[in-house]
Amino acid sequence: MDSHIVKTGSRSIIIGSGHYGNYIPIKEKKVLKITRISEKHNEFINLKIVKTIPNYTDYYSIPDDLAHLIIPSDKMYEYIKNLVKNEDINIFGGPLTCYYVDYAGNKELLDTINDINVSDFSFWKSYKTILKFTKKILDGLSFLHNKQLCHLDIKPENIMIDTIKKTYKIIDFGFCSKEPFDHYVNNIRGTPGYFPYNYTDTIKPWLPKINTNDLHIIDGEYLIKKYRNLVYKIDSFCLGRVLYFLKYSYDKKIKYSCFNCFGEINNGLKLDEIIKDLIESDAFNRLTIDECINKYF
């Protein structure tokens, strides 16, 4: 089943509870949201590469001069219908913003971590499960990096999980950048707590302080601007922080919920080592995604 994304408008309004998870279910397992996309938008700039990702969603961009068509909703419906012929479309009422996506999953990673915090281990049953997840996300990032593309915003809200099929998808390429990363190094940004920007104090127990050198000034330039290959390691760091959060939540609850965990000790130690190498403070010594795969898998 083909799928499409339509983006336009000046802002984005999320439909349903949560960020991407817990949408109102519809027959084709698709939902709608509209957000702005311009020729300078990173997703648009790198679209040809992003679209080569296996099973990735196709994009359609509505020109800005036609953006008024999103109001009222019936006009937007007619316009979208012309773009995505022979597809069932669901239009939500109210302040209308839509994101037309394939069924990426029924939960964000963040949702499943919150499940752990209420002692629901129906998905994250073991360190082995977490390691399998880790390998899948590493493989996805490796695919991007081998296309000279960095995601640059890996966080629990940007990983979708199908808890039935046990599949994972990286979403939201709004920060992505292509080597030599000229646009990014002159407009550096990232999600606090996951991006390697220094925090002298712990933000939250699962987001400890950050003391990295990615943004140190060397000869009047940021380190990652002077050494562009280090930009790839931002994805490493962000993933390491995500895994730290996931393992922190699992460890905290497993003490009271697991009665036969001796066989998991080695898997837990392996996960600790992976996280340690991915969140290494010195960007030069931090593992790349492919180095992590080769070392641990």
Protein backbone atom coordinates (compact mmCIF):
# COMPACT_ATOMS: atom_id res chain seq x y z
CA MET A 1 0.00 0.00 0.00
CA ASP A 2 1.49 3.32 -1.07
CA SER A 3 1.61 6.20 1.37
CA HIS A 4 2.17 9.90 1.09
CA ILE A 5 2.97 12.97 3.11
CA VAL A 6 1.51 16.36 2.30
CA LYS A 7 3.03 19.40 3.98
CA THR A 8 2.04 23.05 3.86
CA GLY A 9 0.79 25.85 6.08
CA SER A 10 2.54 28.07 8.59
CA ARG A 11 2.41 25.79 11.60
CA SER A 12 1.71 22.29 12.77
CA ILE A 13 -1.03 21.07 15.10
CA ILE A 14 -0.73 17.51 16.34
CA ILE A 15 -3.88 15.40 16.18
CA GLY A 16 -4.57 12.94 18.96
CA SER A 17 -2.76 12.49 22.26
CA GLY A 18 1.00 12.26 22.25
CA HIS A 19 3.31 13.34 19.46
CA TYR A 20 2.93 10.69 16.77
CA GLY A 21 1.42 7.89 18.83
CA ASN A 22 -2.15 7.12 19.82
CA TYR A 23 -3.83 8.54 16.73
CA ILE A 24 -7.48 7.94 16.09
CA PRO A 25 -7.53 4.59 14.25
CA ILE A 26 -8.94 4.60 10.73
CA LYS A 27 -9.51 1.93 8.13
CA GLU A 28 -6.32 2.42 6.13
CA LYS A 29 -4.23 2.95 9.27
CA LYS A 30 -3.32 6.41 8.08
CA VAL A 31 -3.68 9.85 9.60
CA LEU A 32 -3.41 13.39 8.37
CA LYS A 33 -1.38 16.35 9.50
CA ILE A 34 -0.12 19.37 7.61
CA THR A 35 3.00 21.29 8.47
CA ARG A 36 5.10 23.79 6.57
CA ILE A 37 7.68 22.72 4.02
CA SER A 38 9.75 25.11 1.91
CA GLU A 39 12.52 24.73 -0.62
CA LYS A 40 15.03 25.45 2.15
CA HIS A 41 13.57 22.85 4.51
CA ASN A 42 16.07 20.07 5.25
CA GLU A 43 13.57 17.33 4.44
CA PHE A 44 12.89 18.92 1.06
CA ILE A 45 16.56 19.53 0.27
CA ASN A 46 17.49 15.92 1.01
CA LEU A 47 14.27 14.40 -0.24
CA LYS A 48 15.78 12.35 -3.07
CA ILE A 49 18.04 10.58 -0.61
CA VAL A 50 15.47 10.23 2.16
CA LYS A 51 13.03 8.63 -0.28
CA THR A 52 15.53 5.83 -0.95
CA ILE A 53 15.09 4.56 2.60
CA PRO A 54 13.29 1.20 2.34
CA ASN A 55 9.53 1.60 2.91
CA TYR A 56 9.89 5.34 3.47
CA THR A 57 6.85 7.52 2.93
CA ASP A 58 6.54 9.54 -0.29
CA TYR A 59 6.20 13.31 -0.11
CA TYR A 60 4.01 15.78 -1.96
CA SER A 61 4.58 19.48 -1.41
CA ILE A 62 1.72 21.95 -1.83
CA PRO A 63 3.07 25.27 -3.18
CA ASP A 64 2.85 28.17 -0.75
CA ASP A 65 0.60 30.13 -3.12
CA LEU A 66 -1.97 27.34 -2.78
CA ALA A 67 -1.72 27.03 0.99
CA HIS A 68 -5.03 28.85 1.40
CA LEU A 69 -6.68 25.70 0.08
CA ILE A 70 -6.28 24.01 3.45
CA ILE A 71 -9.19 26.15 4.71
CA PRO A 72 -11.99 25.19 4.56
CA SER A 73 -11.42 21.48 4.97
CA ASP A 74 -13.53 20.45 1.98
CA LYS A 75 -11.28 22.44 -0.37
CA MET A 76 -8.21 20.85 1.17
CA TYR A 77 -9.83 17.47 0.74
CA GLU A 78 -10.37 18.13 -2.97
CA TYR A 79 -6.77 19.25 -3.40
CA ILE A 80 -5.28 16.29 -1.56
CA LYS A 81 -7.58 13.92 -3.40
CA ASN A 82 -6.02 15.08 -6.66
CA LEU A 83 -2.54 14.42 -5.28
CA VAL A 84 -3.20 10.98 -3.86
CA LYS A 85 -5.73 9.43 -6.20
CA ASN A 86 -7.29 6.08 -5.34
CA GLU A 87 -6.33 6.46 -1.69
CA ASP A 88 -8.79 6.54 1.19
CA ILE A 89 -8.38 9.82 3.05
CA ASN A 90 -9.64 10.77 6.47
CA ILE A 91 -10.14 14.47 7.21
CA PHE A 92 -10.39 15.49 10.84
CA GLY A 93 -12.59 18.43 11.79
CA GLY A 94 -11.62 21.43 13.85
CA PRO A 95 -8.38 23.38 13.33
CA LEU A 96 -7.18 21.31 10.43
CA THR A 97 -3.60 20.24 10.13
CA CYS A 98 -2.82 16.88 8.67
CA TYR A 99 0.02 14.43 8.24
CA TYR A 100 -0.69 11.66 5.76
CA VAL A 101 1.54 8.75 6.68
CA ASP A 102 1.82 5.04 6.37
CA TYR A 103 1.31 2.91 9.44
CA ALA A 104 4.69 3.49 11.06
CA GLY A 105 3.62 1.93 14.34
CA ASN A 106 1.11 2.12 17.13
CA LYS A 107 3.43 3.67 19.72
CA GLU A 108 6.35 6.01 20.04
CA LEU A 109 9.39 4.66 21.86
CA LEU A 110 8.52 7.18 24.58
CA ASP A 111 5.12 5.53 25.05
CA THR A 112 6.75 2.15 25.62
CA ILE A 113 9.19 3.66 28.13
CA ASN A 114 6.25 5.15 29.99
CA ASP A 115 4.70 1.67 30.00
CA ILE A 116 7.80 0.37 31.78
CA ASN A 117 7.38 3.06 34.41
CA VAL A 118 4.00 1.60 35.33
CA SER A 119 5.51 -1.91 35.42
CA ASP A 120 4.22 -2.94 32.00
CA PHE A 121 6.92 -5.20 30.51
CA SER A 122 4.74 -6.57 27.72
CA PHE A 123 7.10 -5.15 25.07
CA TRP A 124 10.49 -4.66 26.74
CA LYS A 125 10.77 -8.13 28.22
CA SER A 126 14.56 -8.33 28.52
CA TYR A 127 17.91 -6.74 27.75
CA LYS A 128 17.98 -9.05 24.73
CA THR A 129 14.89 -7.28 23.39
CA ILE A 130 16.57 -3.90 23.89
CA LEU A 131 19.70 -5.13 22.10
CA LYS A 132 17.62 -6.27 19.10
CA PHE A 133 16.00 -2.84 19.00
CA THR A 134 19.44 -1.21 19.24
CA LYS A 135 20.72 -3.17 16.25
CA LYS A 136 17.70 -2.22 14.13
CA ILE A 137 18.10 1.50 14.84
CA LEU A 138 21.85 1.28 14.24
CA ASP A 139 21.13 -0.35 10.87
CA GLY A 140 18.73 2.45 9.96
CA LEU A 141 21.23 5.15 10.86
CA SER A 142 23.98 3.28 9.03
CA PHE A 143 21.84 3.34 5.90
CA LEU A 144 21.50 7.12 6.20
CA HIS A 145 25.17 7.69 6.94
CA ASN A 146 26.23 5.61 3.96
CA LYS A 147 24.10 7.99 1.89
CA GLN A 148 26.05 10.89 3.49
CA LEU A 149 22.96 11.96 5.42
CA CYS A 150 22.61 12.58 9.17
CA HIS A 151 19.29 12.57 11.04
CA LEU A 152 20.47 14.84 13.91
CA ASP A 153 17.32 14.56 16.03
CA ILE A 154 17.18 11.00 17.33
CA LYS A 155 14.98 10.94 20.44
CA PRO A 156 12.23 8.70 21.88
CA GLU A 157 9.51 10.75 20.16
CA ASN A 158 11.13 10.17 16.76
CA ILE A 159 11.18 6.38 16.85
CA MET A 160 7.92 4.61 16.07
CA ILE A 161 7.28 1.02 17.14
CA ASP A 162 4.81 -1.54 15.90
CA THR A 163 4.49 -3.54 19.10
CA ILE A 164 2.75 -6.41 17.31
CA LYS A 165 5.15 -6.92 14.39
CA LYS A 166 8.18 -5.78 16.44
CA THR A 167 9.23 -3.27 13.78
CA TYR A 168 10.83 0.13 14.27
CA LYS A 169 10.87 3.30 12.15
CA ILE A 170 12.88 6.49 12.48
CA ILE A 171 10.70 9.50 11.69
CA ASP A 172 10.93 13.30 11.40
CA PHE A 173 13.80 14.34 9.15
CA GLY A 174 13.35 18.05 9.83
CA PHE A 175 16.92 18.46 11.15
CA CYS A 176 18.61 16.12 8.66
CA SER A 177 21.64 17.37 6.79
CA LYS A 178 23.81 16.09 3.96
CA GLU A 179 27.59 16.06 3.89
CA PRO A 180 29.48 18.44 3.90
CA PHE A 181 26.78 19.74 6.31
CA ASP A 182 27.26 23.39 5.35
CA HIS A 183 23.72 24.36 6.32
CA TYR A 184 23.82 22.49 9.61
CA VAL A 185 27.19 23.68 10.93
CA ASN A 186 26.06 27.26 10.34
CA ASN A 187 22.70 26.66 11.97
CA ILE A 188 23.41 24.09 14.70
CA ARG A 189 20.39 22.80 16.59
CA GLY A 190 19.18 19.75 18.42
CA THR A 191 16.82 18.55 21.13
CA PRO A 192 18.03 19.45 24.65
CA GLY A 193 18.97 16.40 26.67
CA TYR A 194 19.85 14.33 23.60
CA PHE A 195 22.00 16.66 21.51
CA PRO A 196 25.67 16.83 22.65
CA TYR A 197 25.49 20.32 24.06
CA ASN A 198 26.95 20.83 27.53
CA TYR A 199 24.72 20.74 30.58
CA THR A 200 26.58 21.18 33.85
CA ASP A 201 23.79 19.64 35.91
CA THR A 202 21.58 16.61 35.54
CA ILE A 203 18.37 17.57 33.73
CA LYS A 204 16.50 14.50 34.94
CA PRO A 205 17.78 11.22 36.39
CA TRP A 206 17.49 9.58 32.96
CA LEU A 207 19.17 12.56 31.27
CA PRO A 208 22.43 13.08 33.20
CA LYS A 209 24.72 16.03 32.67
CA ILE A 210 26.47 16.39 29.33
CA ASN A 211 30.09 17.44 29.04
CA THR A 212 31.03 16.97 25.40
CA ASN A 213 33.47 18.78 23.14
CA ASP A 214 31.37 18.78 19.94
CA LEU A 215 30.78 22.52 20.25
CA HIS A 216 34.15 23.50 21.65
CA ILE A 217 35.77 26.40 19.81
CA ILE A 218 38.92 25.45 17.87
CA ASP A 219 40.68 28.20 15.90
CA GLY A 220 37.53 30.31 16.05
CA GLU A 221 35.21 27.52 14.85
CA TYR A 222 33.07 24.86 16.45
CA LEU A 223 34.84 21.51 16.53
CA ILE A 224 32.16 19.89 14.36
CA LYS A 225 32.48 22.72 11.83
CA LYS A 226 36.24 22.30 11.61
CA TYR A 227 36.04 18.50 11.47
CA ARG A 228 32.87 17.78 9.49
CA ASN A 229 33.13 13.99 9.86
CA LEU A 230 32.28 14.47 13.55
CA VAL A 231 28.75 15.54 12.61
CA TYR A 232 27.94 11.86 12.03
CA LYS A 233 28.76 11.21 15.66
CA ILE A 234 25.92 13.46 16.79
CA ASP A 235 23.59 10.64 15.74
CA SER A 236 25.73 8.27 17.81
CA PHE A 237 25.43 10.47 20.86
CA CYS A 238 21.70 11.03 20.51
CA LEU A 239 21.07 7.29 20.16
CA GLY A 240 23.26 6.64 23.19
CA ARG A 241 21.17 9.04 25.25
CA VAL A 242 17.97 7.35 24.04
CA LEU A 243 19.34 3.94 25.05
CA TYR A 244 20.44 5.34 28.42
CA PHE A 245 16.88 6.54 29.05
CA LEU A 246 15.41 3.20 27.99
CA LYS A 247 17.82 1.14 30.10
CA TYR A 248 17.46 3.47 33.09
CA SER A 249 13.71 2.93 33.08
CA TYR A 250 14.07 -0.81 32.58
CA ASP A 251 16.72 -1.18 35.32
CA LYS A 252 14.69 0.82 37.80
CA LYS A 253 11.67 -1.44 37.47
CA ILE A 254 13.32 -4.79 36.78
CA LYS A 255 14.71 -4.92 40.32
CA TYR A 256 11.20 -5.43 41.57
CA SER A 257 9.76 -7.32 38.63
CA CYS A 258 12.38 -9.86 37.55
CA PHE A 259 13.02 -12.99 39.55
CA ASN A 260 15.15 -14.99 37.13
CA CYS A 261 17.51 -12.53 35.46
CA PHE A 262 20.89 -14.24 35.80
CA GLY A 263 20.96 -15.15 32.11
CA GLU A 264 20.50 -11.47 31.28
CA ILE A 265 23.59 -10.21 33.08
CA ASN A 266 25.86 -10.37 30.02
CA ASN A 267 23.26 -8.68 27.82
CA GLY A 268 22.90 -5.89 30.37
CA LEU A 269 26.66 -5.41 30.54
CA LYS A 270 26.89 -5.37 26.74
CA LEU A 271 24.21 -2.70 26.58
CA ASP A 272 26.12 -0.65 29.16
CA GLU A 273 29.24 -0.80 27.00
CA ILE A 274 27.34 0.23 23.87
CA ILE A 275 25.84 3.21 25.66
CA LYS A 276 29.22 4.18 27.10
CA ASP A 277 30.84 4.18 23.65
CA LEU A 278 27.98 6.12 22.04
CA ILE A 279 27.87 8.89 24.65
CA GLU A 280 31.64 9.29 24.89
CA SER A 281 32.29 12.95 25.73
CA ASP A 282 35.25 13.26 23.35
CA ALA A 283 33.76 13.34 19.86
CA PHE A 284 37.03 12.07 18.37
CA ASN A 285 36.87 8.90 20.49
CA ARG A 286 33.11 8.36 20.23
CA LEU A 287 32.11 5.42 18.04
CA THR A 288 30.51 6.02 14.68
CA ILE A 289 27.34 4.07 13.96
CA ASP A 290 29.17 1.55 11.77
CA GLU A 291 31.96 1.16 14.33
CA CYS A 292 29.35 0.37 16.96
CA ILE A 293 27.76 -2.27 14.72
CA ASN A 294 31.12 -3.87 13.94
CA LYS A 295 32.23 -3.89 17.58
CA TYR A 296 29.08 -5.23 19.21
CA PHE A 297 27.05 -7.04 16.56
